[in-house]
Every structure is written in structure tokens, then in C-alpha cells.
C-alpha atoms as a PDB file:
ATOM      1  CA  MET A   1      39.056   2.611 -25.369  1.00  0.00           C
ATOM      2  CA  LYS A   2      41.838   0.826 -23.497  1.00  0.00           C
ATOM      3  CA  ILE A   3      44.540   1.871 -25.935  1.00  0.00           C
ATOM      4  CA  ILE A   4      44.088   5.634 -25.764  1.00  0.00           C
ATOM      5  CA  LYS A   5      43.893   7.478 -22.444  1.00  0.00           C
ATOM      6  CA  VAL A   6      40.973   9.780 -21.717  1.00  0.00           C
ATOM      7  CA  ALA A   7      43.099  12.927 -22.083  1.00  0.00           C
ATOM      8  CA  LEU A   8      44.349  11.790 -25.468  1.00  0.00           C
ATOM      9  CA  PHE A   9      40.803  10.917 -26.514  1.00  0.00           C
ATOM     10  CA  VAL A  10      39.560  14.418 -25.706  1.00  0.00           C
ATOM     11  CA  ALA A  11      42.513  16.086 -27.423  1.00  0.00           C
ATOM     12  CA  SER A  12      42.065  13.877 -30.456  1.00  0.00           C
ATOM     13  CA  ALA A  13      38.369  14.691 -30.629  1.00  0.00           C
ATOM     14  CA  LEU A  14      39.201  18.376 -30.788  1.00  0.00           C
ATOM     15  CA  PHE A  15      41.863  17.727 -33.419  1.00  0.00           C
ATOM     16  CA  PHE A  16      39.477  15.719 -35.563  1.00  0.00           C
ATOM     17  CA  SER A  17      36.748  18.333 -35.241  1.00  0.00           C
ATOM     18  CA  CYS A  18      38.785  20.810 -37.300  1.00  0.00           C
ATOM     19  CA  GLY A  19      40.059  18.305 -39.784  1.00  0.00           C
ATOM     20  CA  ASN A  20      39.444  15.322 -41.835  1.00  0.00           C
ATOM     21  CA  ALA A  21      37.369  12.222 -41.482  1.00  0.00           C
ATOM     22  CA  GLN A  22      33.706  11.652 -40.739  1.00  0.00           C
ATOM     23  CA  ASP A  23      33.740   8.310 -38.923  1.00  0.00           C
ATOM     24  CA  THR A  24      34.395   8.343 -35.172  1.00  0.00           C
ATOM     25  CA  ILE A  25      37.777   7.929 -33.506  1.00  0.00           C
ATOM     26  CA  ASN A  26      36.589   4.746 -31.794  1.00  0.00           C
ATOM     27  CA  ASN A  27      36.261   2.643 -34.927  1.00  0.00           C
ATOM     28  CA  ARG A  28      39.470   3.664 -36.693  1.00  0.00           C
ATOM     29  CA  PRO A  29      42.473   1.320 -36.824  1.00  0.00           C
ATOM     30  CA  ILE A  30      45.515   2.722 -35.016  1.00  0.00           C
ATOM     31  CA  VAL A  31      49.179   2.032 -35.760  1.00  0.00           C
ATOM     32  CA  SER A  32      52.364   2.957 -33.947  1.00  0.00           C
ATOM     33  CA  ILE A  33      55.405   4.384 -35.764  1.00  0.00           C
ATOM     34  CA  LYS A  34      58.427   4.260 -33.446  1.00  0.00           C
ATOM     35  CA  THR A  35      61.688   6.080 -34.147  1.00  0.00           C
ATOM     36  CA  ASP A  36      64.756   7.209 -32.193  1.00  0.00           C
ATOM     37  CA  PHE A  37      62.905  10.510 -31.690  1.00  0.00           C
ATOM     38  CA  GLY A  38      59.866   8.876 -30.109  1.00  0.00           C
ATOM     39  CA  GLU A  39      56.557   7.336 -31.120  1.00  0.00           C
ATOM     40  CA  MET A  40      53.722   8.552 -33.313  1.00  0.00           C
ATOM     41  CA  LYS A  41      50.272   6.988 -33.004  1.00  0.00           C
ATOM     42  CA  VAL A  42      48.386   7.190 -36.262  1.00  0.00           C
ATOM     43  CA  ALA A  43      44.708   6.602 -37.022  1.00  0.00           C
ATOM     44  CA  LEU A  44      43.829   5.173 -40.441  1.00  0.00           C
ATOM     45  CA  TYR A  45      40.681   6.410 -42.185  1.00  0.00           C
ATOM     46  CA  ASN A  46      37.824   4.055 -42.952  1.00  0.00           C
ATOM     47  CA  GLU A  47      36.892   6.341 -45.874  1.00  0.00           C
ATOM     48  CA  THR A  48      39.990   5.017 -47.684  1.00  0.00           C
ATOM     49  CA  PRO A  49      39.612   1.247 -47.255  1.00  0.00           C
ATOM     50  CA  ARG A  50      42.149   0.159 -49.904  1.00  0.00           C
ATOM     51  CA  HIS A  51      44.909   2.273 -48.385  1.00  0.00           C
ATOM     52  CA  ARG A  52      43.852   1.414 -44.823  1.00  0.00           C
ATOM     53  CA  ASP A  53      43.890  -2.330 -45.421  1.00  0.00           C
ATOM     54  CA  ASN A  54      47.114  -2.222 -47.409  1.00  0.00           C
ATOM     55  CA  PHE A  55      48.945  -0.286 -44.697  1.00  0.00           C
ATOM     56  CA  LEU A  56      47.671  -2.670 -42.027  1.00  0.00           C
ATOM     57  CA  LYS A  57      48.756  -5.687 -44.078  1.00  0.00           C
ATOM     58  CA  LEU A  58      52.267  -4.311 -44.581  1.00  0.00           C
ATOM     59  CA  ALA A  59      52.596  -3.257 -40.956  1.00  0.00           C
ATOM     60  CA  LYS A  60      51.521  -6.676 -39.636  1.00  0.00           C
ATOM     61  CA  SER A  61      54.052  -8.386 -41.914  1.00  0.00           C
ATOM     62  CA  GLY A  62      56.929  -6.261 -40.568  1.00  0.00           C
ATOM     63  CA  TYR A  63      57.414  -4.679 -43.994  1.00  0.00           C
ATOM     64  CA  PHE A  64      58.231  -1.227 -42.637  1.00  0.00           C
ATOM     65  CA  ASP A  65      60.450  -2.325 -39.752  1.00  0.00           C
ATOM     66  CA  GLY A  66      64.024  -1.134 -40.238  1.00  0.00           C
ATOM     67  CA  GLN A  67      63.150   1.200 -43.105  1.00  0.00           C
ATOM     68  CA  LEU A  68      64.350   4.805 -43.176  1.00  0.00           C
ATOM     69  CA  PHE A  69      62.554   8.071 -43.386  1.00  0.00           C
ATOM     70  CA  HIS A  70      64.544   8.650 -46.544  1.00  0.00           C
ATOM     71  CA  ARG A  71      63.189  12.063 -47.617  1.00  0.00           C
ATOM     72  CA  VAL A  72      62.731  14.898 -45.155  1.00  0.00           C
ATOM     73  CA  ILE A  73      61.844  18.494 -46.007  1.00  0.00           C
ATOM     74  CA  ARG A  74      61.369  20.892 -43.122  1.00  0.00           C
ATOM     75  CA  ASN A  75      58.013  22.716 -43.090  1.00  0.00           C
ATOM     76  CA  PHE A  76      56.740  20.250 -45.712  1.00  0.00           C
ATOM     77  CA  MET A  77      56.773  16.523 -44.891  1.00  0.00           C
ATOM     78  CA  ILE A  78      58.711  13.384 -43.942  1.00  0.00           C
ATOM     79  CA  GLN A  79      58.605  10.348 -46.270  1.00  0.00           C
ATOM     80  CA  GLY A  80      59.231   6.632 -45.851  1.00  0.00           C
ATOM     81  CA  GLY A  81      58.036   3.256 -47.084  1.00  0.00           C
ATOM     82  CA  ASP A  82      60.857   2.359 -49.510  1.00  0.00           C
ATOM     83  CA  PRO A  83      62.023  -1.212 -48.734  1.00  0.00           C
ATOM     84  CA  ASP A  84      65.392  -0.508 -50.390  1.00  0.00           C
ATOM     85  CA  THR A  85      66.248   1.773 -47.478  1.00  0.00           C
ATOM     86  CA  LYS A  86      66.698  -1.158 -45.094  1.00  0.00           C
ATOM     87  CA  THR A  87      70.144  -1.859 -46.544  1.00  0.00           C
ATOM     88  CA  ALA A  88      70.895   1.564 -48.004  1.00  0.00           C
ATOM     89  CA  GLN A  89      74.515   2.697 -48.219  1.00  0.00           C
ATOM     90  CA  PRO A  90      75.562   6.290 -47.416  1.00  0.00           C
ATOM     91  CA  GLY A  91      74.781   8.540 -50.376  1.00  0.00           C
ATOM     92  CA  GLN A  92      72.660   5.909 -52.136  1.00  0.00           C
ATOM     93  CA  LYS A  93      69.761   7.350 -54.118  1.00  0.00           C
ATOM     94  CA  LEU A  94      66.494   6.219 -52.592  1.00  0.00           C
ATOM     95  CA  GLY A  95      62.782   6.511 -53.228  1.00  0.00           C
ATOM     96  CA  ASN A  96      62.143   4.064 -56.079  1.00  0.00           C
ATOM     97  CA  GLY A  97      61.418   0.928 -54.063  1.00  0.00           C
ATOM     98  CA  GLY A  98      58.038  -0.634 -53.345  1.00  0.00           C
ATOM     99  CA  PRO A  99      56.085  -3.880 -53.058  1.00  0.00           C
ATOM    100  CA  GLY A 100      55.614  -4.256 -56.824  1.00  0.00           C
ATOM    101  CA  TYR A 101      52.111  -2.843 -57.111  1.00  0.00           C
ATOM    102  CA  GLU A 102      50.210   0.430 -56.979  1.00  0.00           C
ATOM    103  CA  LEU A 103      46.855   1.318 -55.432  1.00  0.00           C
ATOM    104  CA  GLU A 104      43.936   3.004 -57.148  1.00  0.00           C
ATOM    105  CA  ASN A 105      43.651   6.480 -55.707  1.00  0.00           C
ATOM    106  CA  GLU A 106      41.061   7.214 -53.020  1.00  0.00           C
ATOM    107  CA  ILE A 107      41.349  10.988 -53.175  1.00  0.00           C
ATOM    108  CA  ASN A 108      38.621  12.532 -51.042  1.00  0.00           C
ATOM    109  CA  PRO A 109      38.105  16.319 -51.032  1.00  0.00           C
ATOM    110  CA  LYS A 110      37.148  16.143 -47.349  1.00  0.00           C
ATOM    111  CA  LEU A 111      40.464  14.540 -46.350  1.00  0.00           C
ATOM    112  CA  LEU A 112      42.978  17.368 -46.218  1.00  0.00           C
ATOM    113  CA  HIS A 113      46.726  17.786 -45.941  1.00  0.00           C
ATOM    114  CA  LYS A 114      46.674  19.259 -42.457  1.00  0.00           C
ATOM    115  CA  LYS A 115      49.655  18.889 -40.136  1.00  0.00           C
ATOM    116  CA  GLY A 116      49.968  15.237 -39.170  1.00  0.00           C
ATOM    117  CA  ALA A 117      48.089  13.908 -42.207  1.00  0.00           C
ATOM    118  CA  LEU A 118      49.280  10.517 -43.481  1.00  0.00           C
ATOM    119  CA  ALA A 119      49.197  10.294 -47.280  1.00  0.00           C
ATOM    120  CA  ALA A 120      50.379   8.032 -50.085  1.00  0.00           C
ATOM    121  CA  ALA A 121      53.329   9.044 -52.233  1.00  0.00           C
ATOM    122  CA  ARG A 122      53.071   8.491 -55.980  1.00  0.00           C
ATOM    123  CA  GLN A 123      54.646   9.092 -59.362  1.00  0.00           C
ATOM    124  CA  GLY A 124      53.953  12.434 -61.050  1.00  0.00           C
ATOM    125  CA  ASP A 125      51.018  13.211 -63.308  1.00  0.00           C
ATOM    126  CA  ALA A 126      53.039  12.945 -66.526  1.00  0.00           C
ATOM    127  CA  THR A 127      53.560   9.197 -66.032  1.00  0.00           C
ATOM    128  CA  ASN A 128      50.632   8.642 -63.675  1.00  0.00           C
ATOM    129  CA  PRO A 129      47.583  10.590 -64.869  1.00  0.00           C
ATOM    130  CA  LEU A 130      45.239   8.426 -62.763  1.00  0.00           C
ATOM    131  CA  LYS A 131      47.139   9.477 -59.606  1.00  0.00           C
ATOM    132  CA  LYS A 132      47.682   5.890 -58.497  1.00  0.00           C
ATOM    133  CA  SER A 133      49.405   5.583 -55.132  1.00  0.00           C
ATOM    134  CA  SER A 134      52.656   3.833 -54.355  1.00  0.00           C
ATOM    135  CA  GLY A 135      52.009   0.433 -52.839  1.00  0.00           C
ATOM    136  CA  SER A 136      54.022   1.321 -49.731  1.00  0.00           C
ATOM    137  CA  GLN A 137      55.625   4.762 -49.778  1.00  0.00           C
ATOM    138  CA  PHE A 138      53.924   7.324 -47.584  1.00  0.00           C
ATOM    139  CA  TYR A 139      54.500  10.763 -46.154  1.00  0.00           C
ATOM    140  CA  ILE A 140      53.408  12.609 -43.031  1.00  0.00           C
ATOM    141  CA  VAL A 141      52.664  16.306 -43.437  1.00  0.00           C
ATOM    142  CA  GLN A 142      54.376  18.937 -41.310  1.00  0.00           C
ATOM    143  CA  GLY A 143      53.576  22.011 -43.391  1.00  0.00           C
ATOM    144  CA  LEU A 144      53.091  25.558 -42.164  1.00  0.00           C
ATOM    145  CA  VAL A 145      50.443  27.671 -40.477  1.00  0.00           C
ATOM    146  CA  PHE A 146      49.403  30.341 -42.969  1.00  0.00           C
ATOM    147  CA  PRO A 147      48.388  33.870 -41.956  1.00  0.00           C
ATOM    148  CA  ALA A 148      44.869  34.747 -43.057  1.00  0.00           C
ATOM    149  CA  SER A 149      46.394  37.468 -45.231  1.00  0.00           C
ATOM    150  CA  ASN A 150      48.105  34.743 -47.314  1.00  0.00           C
ATOM    151  CA  LEU A 151      44.916  32.941 -48.295  1.00  0.00           C
ATOM    152  CA  GLN A 152      44.368  34.989 -51.440  1.00  0.00           C
ATOM    153  CA  ALA A 153      47.942  34.268 -52.526  1.00  0.00           C
ATOM    154  CA  LEU A 154      47.290  30.548 -52.020  1.00  0.00           C
ATOM    155  CA  GLU A 155      44.214  30.746 -54.231  1.00  0.00           C
ATOM    156  CA  ASP A 156      46.121  32.721 -56.874  1.00  0.00           C
ATOM    157  CA  GLU A 157      48.859  30.093 -56.862  1.00  0.00           C
ATOM    158  CA  GLY A 158      46.246  27.362 -57.148  1.00  0.00           C
ATOM    159  CA  ASN A 159      44.697  29.052 -60.174  1.00  0.00           C
ATOM    160  CA  LEU A 160      48.087  29.371 -61.866  1.00  0.00           C
ATOM    161  CA  LYS A 161      48.713  25.666 -61.324  1.00  0.00           C
ATOM    162  CA  LEU A 162      45.234  24.842 -62.600  1.00  0.00           C
ATOM    163  CA  ALA A 163      45.802  26.848 -65.775  1.00  0.00           C
ATOM    164  CA  GLN A 164      49.198  25.198 -66.262  1.00  0.00           C
ATOM    165  CA  LYS A 165      47.704  21.746 -65.807  1.00  0.00           C
ATOM    166  CA  ILE A 166      45.055  22.497 -68.434  1.00  0.00           C
ATOM    167  CA  MET A 167      47.721  23.947 -70.708  1.00  0.00           C
ATOM    168  CA  ASN A 168      49.814  20.795 -70.414  1.00  0.00           C
ATOM    169  CA  GLN A 169      46.834  18.658 -71.406  1.00  0.00           C
ATOM    170  CA  LEU A 170      45.991  20.886 -74.375  1.00  0.00           C
ATOM    171  CA  ALA A 171      49.632  20.810 -75.494  1.00  0.00           C
ATOM    172  CA  MET A 172      49.615  17.010 -75.338  1.00  0.00           C
ATOM    173  CA  ASP A 173      46.478  16.954 -77.477  1.00  0.00           C
ATOM    174  CA  LYS A 174      48.212  19.188 -80.044  1.00  0.00           C
ATOM    175  CA  SER A 175      51.654  17.614 -79.695  1.00  0.00           C
ATOM    176  CA  ASP A 176      51.762  16.442 -83.335  1.00  0.00           C
ATOM    177  CA  SER A 177      51.171  19.973 -84.637  1.00  0.00           C
ATOM    178  CA  LEU A 178      53.667  21.503 -82.209  1.00  0.00           C
ATOM    179  CA  LYS A 179      56.330  18.980 -83.187  1.00  0.00           C
ATOM    180  CA  PHE A 180      55.667  19.557 -86.880  1.00  0.00           C
ATOM    181  CA  TYR A 181      56.086  23.326 -86.526  1.00  0.00           C
ATOM    182  CA  GLN A 182      59.309  22.799 -84.587  1.00  0.00           C
ATOM    183  CA  GLN A 183      60.712  20.353 -87.124  1.00  0.00           C
ATOM    184  CA  THR A 184      59.889  22.693 -90.026  1.00  0.00           C
ATOM    185  CA  ASN A 185      61.218  25.752 -88.171  1.00  0.00           C
ATOM    186  CA  ASN A 186      57.826  27.421 -88.496  1.00  0.00           C
ATOM    187  CA  LYS A 187      58.216  29.590 -85.391  1.00  0.00           C
ATOM    188  CA  ASN A 188      55.338  31.878 -86.302  1.00  0.00           C
ATOM    189  CA  ALA A 189      52.815  29.029 -86.489  1.00  0.00           C
ATOM    190  CA  PHE A 190      54.273  27.455 -83.346  1.00  0.00           C
ATOM    191  CA  ASP A 191      53.963  30.663 -81.333  1.00  0.00           C
ATOM    192  CA  LYS A 192      50.418  31.295 -82.566  1.00  0.00           C
ATOM    193  CA  LEU A 193      49.305  27.814 -81.548  1.00  0.00           C
ATOM    194  CA  VAL A 194      50.952  28.115 -78.121  1.00  0.00           C
ATOM    195  CA  ALA A 195      49.267  31.503 -77.573  1.00  0.00           C
ATOM    196  CA  LYS A 196      45.923  30.032 -78.598  1.00  0.00           C
ATOM    197  CA  LEU A 197      46.340  27.113 -76.182  1.00  0.00           C
ATOM    198  CA  GLN A 198      47.389  29.413 -73.338  1.00  0.00           C
ATOM    199  CA  ALA A 199      44.326  31.590 -73.860  1.00  0.00           C
ATOM    200  CA  ALA A 200      42.094  28.513 -73.908  1.00  0.00           C
ATOM    201  CA  ALA A 201      43.721  27.196 -70.710  1.00  0.00           C
ATOM    202  CA  THR A 202      43.250  30.531 -68.942  1.00  0.00           C
ATOM    203  CA  ASP A 203      39.604  30.741 -69.997  1.00  0.00           C
ATOM    204  CA  SER A 204      38.969  27.161 -68.905  1.00  0.00           C
ATOM    205  CA  ALA A 205      40.583  27.770 -65.501  1.00  0.00           C
ATOM    206  CA  LYS A 206      38.354  30.812 -64.986  1.00  0.00           C
ATOM    207  CA  GLN A 207      35.265  28.672 -65.527  1.00  0.00           C
ATOM    208  CA  THR A 208      36.131  26.518 -62.486  1.00  0.00           C
ATOM    209  CA  PRO A 209      38.550  28.616 -60.409  1.00  0.00           C
ATOM    210  CA  TYR A 210      40.509  27.178 -57.532  1.00  0.00           C
ATOM    211  CA  LYS A 211      38.962  28.346 -54.255  1.00  0.00           C
ATOM    212  CA  LEU A 212      39.772  27.334 -50.711  1.00  0.00           C
ATOM    213  CA  THR A 213      36.780  26.035 -48.796  1.00  0.00           C
ATOM    214  CA  GLU A 214      35.889  27.520 -45.422  1.00  0.00           C
ATOM    215  CA  THR A 215      37.170  24.316 -43.811  1.00  0.00           C
ATOM    216  CA  GLN A 216      40.510  24.685 -45.578  1.00  0.00           C
ATOM    217  CA  LYS A 217      40.788  28.329 -44.559  1.00  0.00           C
ATOM    218  CA  GLN A 218      40.089  27.522 -40.925  1.00  0.00           C
ATOM    219  CA  LEU A 219      42.388  24.515 -40.920  1.00  0.00           C
ATOM    220  CA  TYR A 220      45.418  26.009 -42.633  1.00  0.00           C
ATOM    221  CA  THR A 221      45.359  29.186 -40.520  1.00  0.00           C
ATOM    222  CA  THR A 222      45.236  27.219 -37.238  1.00  0.00           C
ATOM    223  CA  VAL A 223      46.571  23.651 -37.470  1.00  0.00           C
ATOM    224  CA  GLY A 224      48.597  24.299 -40.635  1.00  0.00           C
ATOM    225  CA  GLY A 225      49.590  21.943 -43.430  1.00  0.00           C
ATOM    226  CA  THR A 226      50.217  21.873 -47.182  1.00  0.00           C
ATOM    227  CA  PRO A 227      47.050  23.015 -48.995  1.00  0.00           C
ATOM    228  CA  HIS A 228      48.553  22.805 -52.498  1.00  0.00           C
ATOM    229  CA  LEU A 229      48.553  18.987 -52.217  1.00  0.00           C
ATOM    230  CA  ASP A 230      44.808  18.719 -51.583  1.00  0.00           C
ATOM    231  CA  GLY A 231      42.989  16.810 -54.290  1.00  0.00           C
ATOM    232  CA  ASN A 232      46.187  15.416 -55.795  1.00  0.00           C
ATOM    233  CA  TYR A 233      47.259  12.698 -53.345  1.00  0.00           C
ATOM    234  CA  THR A 234      45.355  10.184 -51.234  1.00  0.00           C
ATOM    235  CA  VAL A 235      45.227  11.157 -47.564  1.00  0.00           C
ATOM    236  CA  PHE A 236      44.422   8.020 -45.556  1.00  0.00           C
ATOM    237  CA  GLY A 237      45.167   8.790 -41.920  1.00  0.00           C
ATOM    238  CA  GLU A 238      46.504  11.258 -39.386  1.00  0.00           C
ATOM    239  CA  VAL A 239      48.754  11.466 -36.341  1.00  0.00           C
ATOM    240  CA  LEU A 240      46.784  11.240 -33.087  1.00  0.00           C
ATOM    241  CA  GLU A 241      49.770  11.550 -30.792  1.00  0.00           C
ATOM    242  CA  GLY A 242      53.405  12.468 -31.417  1.00  0.00           C
ATOM    243  CA  LEU A 243      53.411  15.633 -33.509  1.00  0.00           C
ATOM    244  CA  ALA A 244      56.552  16.658 -31.606  1.00  0.00           C
ATOM    245  CA  VAL A 245      58.246  13.562 -33.052  1.00  0.00           C
ATOM    246  CA  LEU A 246      57.234  14.685 -36.535  1.00  0.00           C
ATOM    247  CA  ASP A 247      58.734  18.115 -35.871  1.00  0.00           C
ATOM    248  CA  SER A 248      61.979  16.604 -34.544  1.00  0.00           C
ATOM    249  CA  ILE A 249      62.443  14.409 -37.606  1.00  0.00           C
ATOM    250  CA  ALA A 250      61.604  17.273 -39.982  1.00  0.00           C
ATOM    251  CA  ALA A 251      64.256  19.435 -38.306  1.00  0.00           C
ATOM    252  CA  GLN A 252      67.135  17.026 -39.006  1.00  0.00           C
ATOM    253  CA  PRO A 253      69.895  18.143 -41.400  1.00  0.00           C
ATOM    254  CA  THR A 254      69.721  16.563 -44.840  1.00  0.00           C
ATOM    255  CA  GLY A 255      71.950  15.992 -47.848  1.00  0.00           C
ATOM    256  CA  PRO A 256      71.316  15.180 -51.534  1.00  0.00           C
ATOM    257  CA  GLN A 257      67.745  14.107 -52.421  1.00  0.00           C
ATOM    258  CA  ASP A 258      66.681  15.450 -48.981  1.00  0.00           C
ATOM    259  CA  ARG A 259      67.995  12.337 -47.253  1.00  0.00           C
ATOM    260  CA  PRO A 260      68.775  12.875 -43.560  1.00  0.00           C
ATOM    261  CA  LEU A 261      72.522  12.868 -42.883  1.00  0.00           C
ATOM    262  CA  LYS A 262      71.913  10.476 -39.985  1.00  0.00           C
ATOM    263  CA  ASP A 263      69.690   7.475 -40.691  1.00  0.00           C
ATOM    264  CA  ILE A 264      66.231   7.640 -39.082  1.00  0.00           C
ATOM    265  CA  ARG A 265      64.731   4.166 -38.898  1.00  0.00           C
ATOM    266  CA  MET A 266      61.179   3.181 -38.102  1.00  0.00           C
ATOM    267  CA  GLU A 267      59.250   0.330 -36.558  1.00  0.00           C
ATOM    268  CA  VAL A 268      55.552   0.131 -37.454  1.00  0.00           C
ATOM    269  CA  LYS A 269      53.139  -1.990 -35.433  1.00  0.00           C
ATOM    270  CA  VAL A 270      49.350  -2.306 -35.397  1.00  0.00           C
ATOM    271  CA  ILE A 271      47.852  -1.230 -32.070  1.00  0.00           C
ATOM    272  CA  LYS A 272      44.187  -1.679 -32.945  1.00  0.00           C
ATOM    273  CA  GLU A 273      42.389  -2.914 -36.070  1.00  0.00           C
END
């Protein structure tokens, strides 16, 4: 490869070996994300062709150039891709802009939210049950390295969220009955139905409990990341070079809606298709 030096190639090979995609580094598209804090080189996964091609199309058109990283949460992620940020005023609420379309999700259980992962932002499950991705907004994971002693707690948290998700669906299915009991002030019937649904949700969650895979355990105790996002958002690339830039951006002070107090603009170019 002429684009990536030998040292970077070797380091990247090691990084990929404990992480995400199955195709080789050589045949992945690579993009550059430049900021005042430096440059990140990002490989896009061929396992997620819709997201790969869409990101390349937007990058080649200059869509991202001049946009802000408008949402930054230390030890979690940095987010950009909102075209409204190009002309944003101080204090303006951001994060609702896009190209006018969404992408069908390409969630792959083998593509994980390790540090440096590039993933698509999206609306929440309540309004987006199919987990469709934003047409342009993305985030890059910073996350944390978890001690091995915390893995059980992560699984416990995952099981609580699983039970709650099932409970929410059951409550939606019984929403007419729940509303009727509320409107008629029949608290006893309401509470009994809620208790019945909670028990059903707990039993259902136990049938297919949330368990970290051995790959996840190894990854999140070494490289780090945000395991609770796995399986819920489309991961479609990862940082090959420039993790220090990610850390610098994530460390910046922020104000309301997690917007950095000082604008952090980006320039995104395609290095290799």
C-alpha cells in the first residue's frame, strides 16, 4: 500500500486482529478526517456496503467539510455529520440535520463498539423500531477500558435493559387496556396487569440472557469501548491512525447538549476507495 506506511500497516493489523471486520485491511476504503487537533485515518468496512458507499459519496461531495463535532461526551464518543452545524450560532441546538434520508441498518454482531469504531447515529427505538441510521450523522467511540471484574456487572446491566425492552413492547401491546384502567381509575387492575407484564418480561429475558462473547470480553478489557451499544447501532468503520486526536476532542469542555464550548470543525476526504 502506498497510502499507509509499513509501521502503520503492522500496527493496524494487530488492532484489527482483536476487533471487528473480516475482510483484509488492503481492500478497505480509507478516509481522512482532519481537525484542529490533527488527523484521523478511518477504514470503512466492506461488510456494511450501504453505509460505506453513502459515507464515501458524502465525503467526495464535500458534504462534511466545515461541519462541527457538535456532541462530545468524554469516555463515550464524539459525534458529527449534521449539516446545520456549518452555520451554527453559539448556543444553537444541534443534532437534527441530515441529507433528507435514512439508511437501512446493517447491524452486524461481529462489528463491535471498540475504541475508534465509526458508527451511524440514529433516532431512538420508540420512533425508529427498525433502527434505521441517520443518512449522515456519525459518531466515533472513545469509551473506557473495563476491568475484568466489571464484566459481570456489564452483563447484569445488559439483562436489565433487555427485560425493560421486552416490557416496553408488552406494554405497547396492552396499551389500550392500560389506558382504560387509568381513565377509569381502576388502580388495582392497572397494577395487576403491570405486574403480570413485568413477570412475563423477566421470564422472557431469562430465556435468552444477555451474555458477552469471549471476543467482547477480550476487547473491552484491553482496547476498551462502549459494549452497551453493541447490536443497537450500525458500526461501519474504525480509526486506523489518530486515536490521540479522538482523545483530544473528547477531552474538550462542553456546554448544553454536550456541544463543545469552542467549535471543532472537520474536513473529510477520501484517501482510497
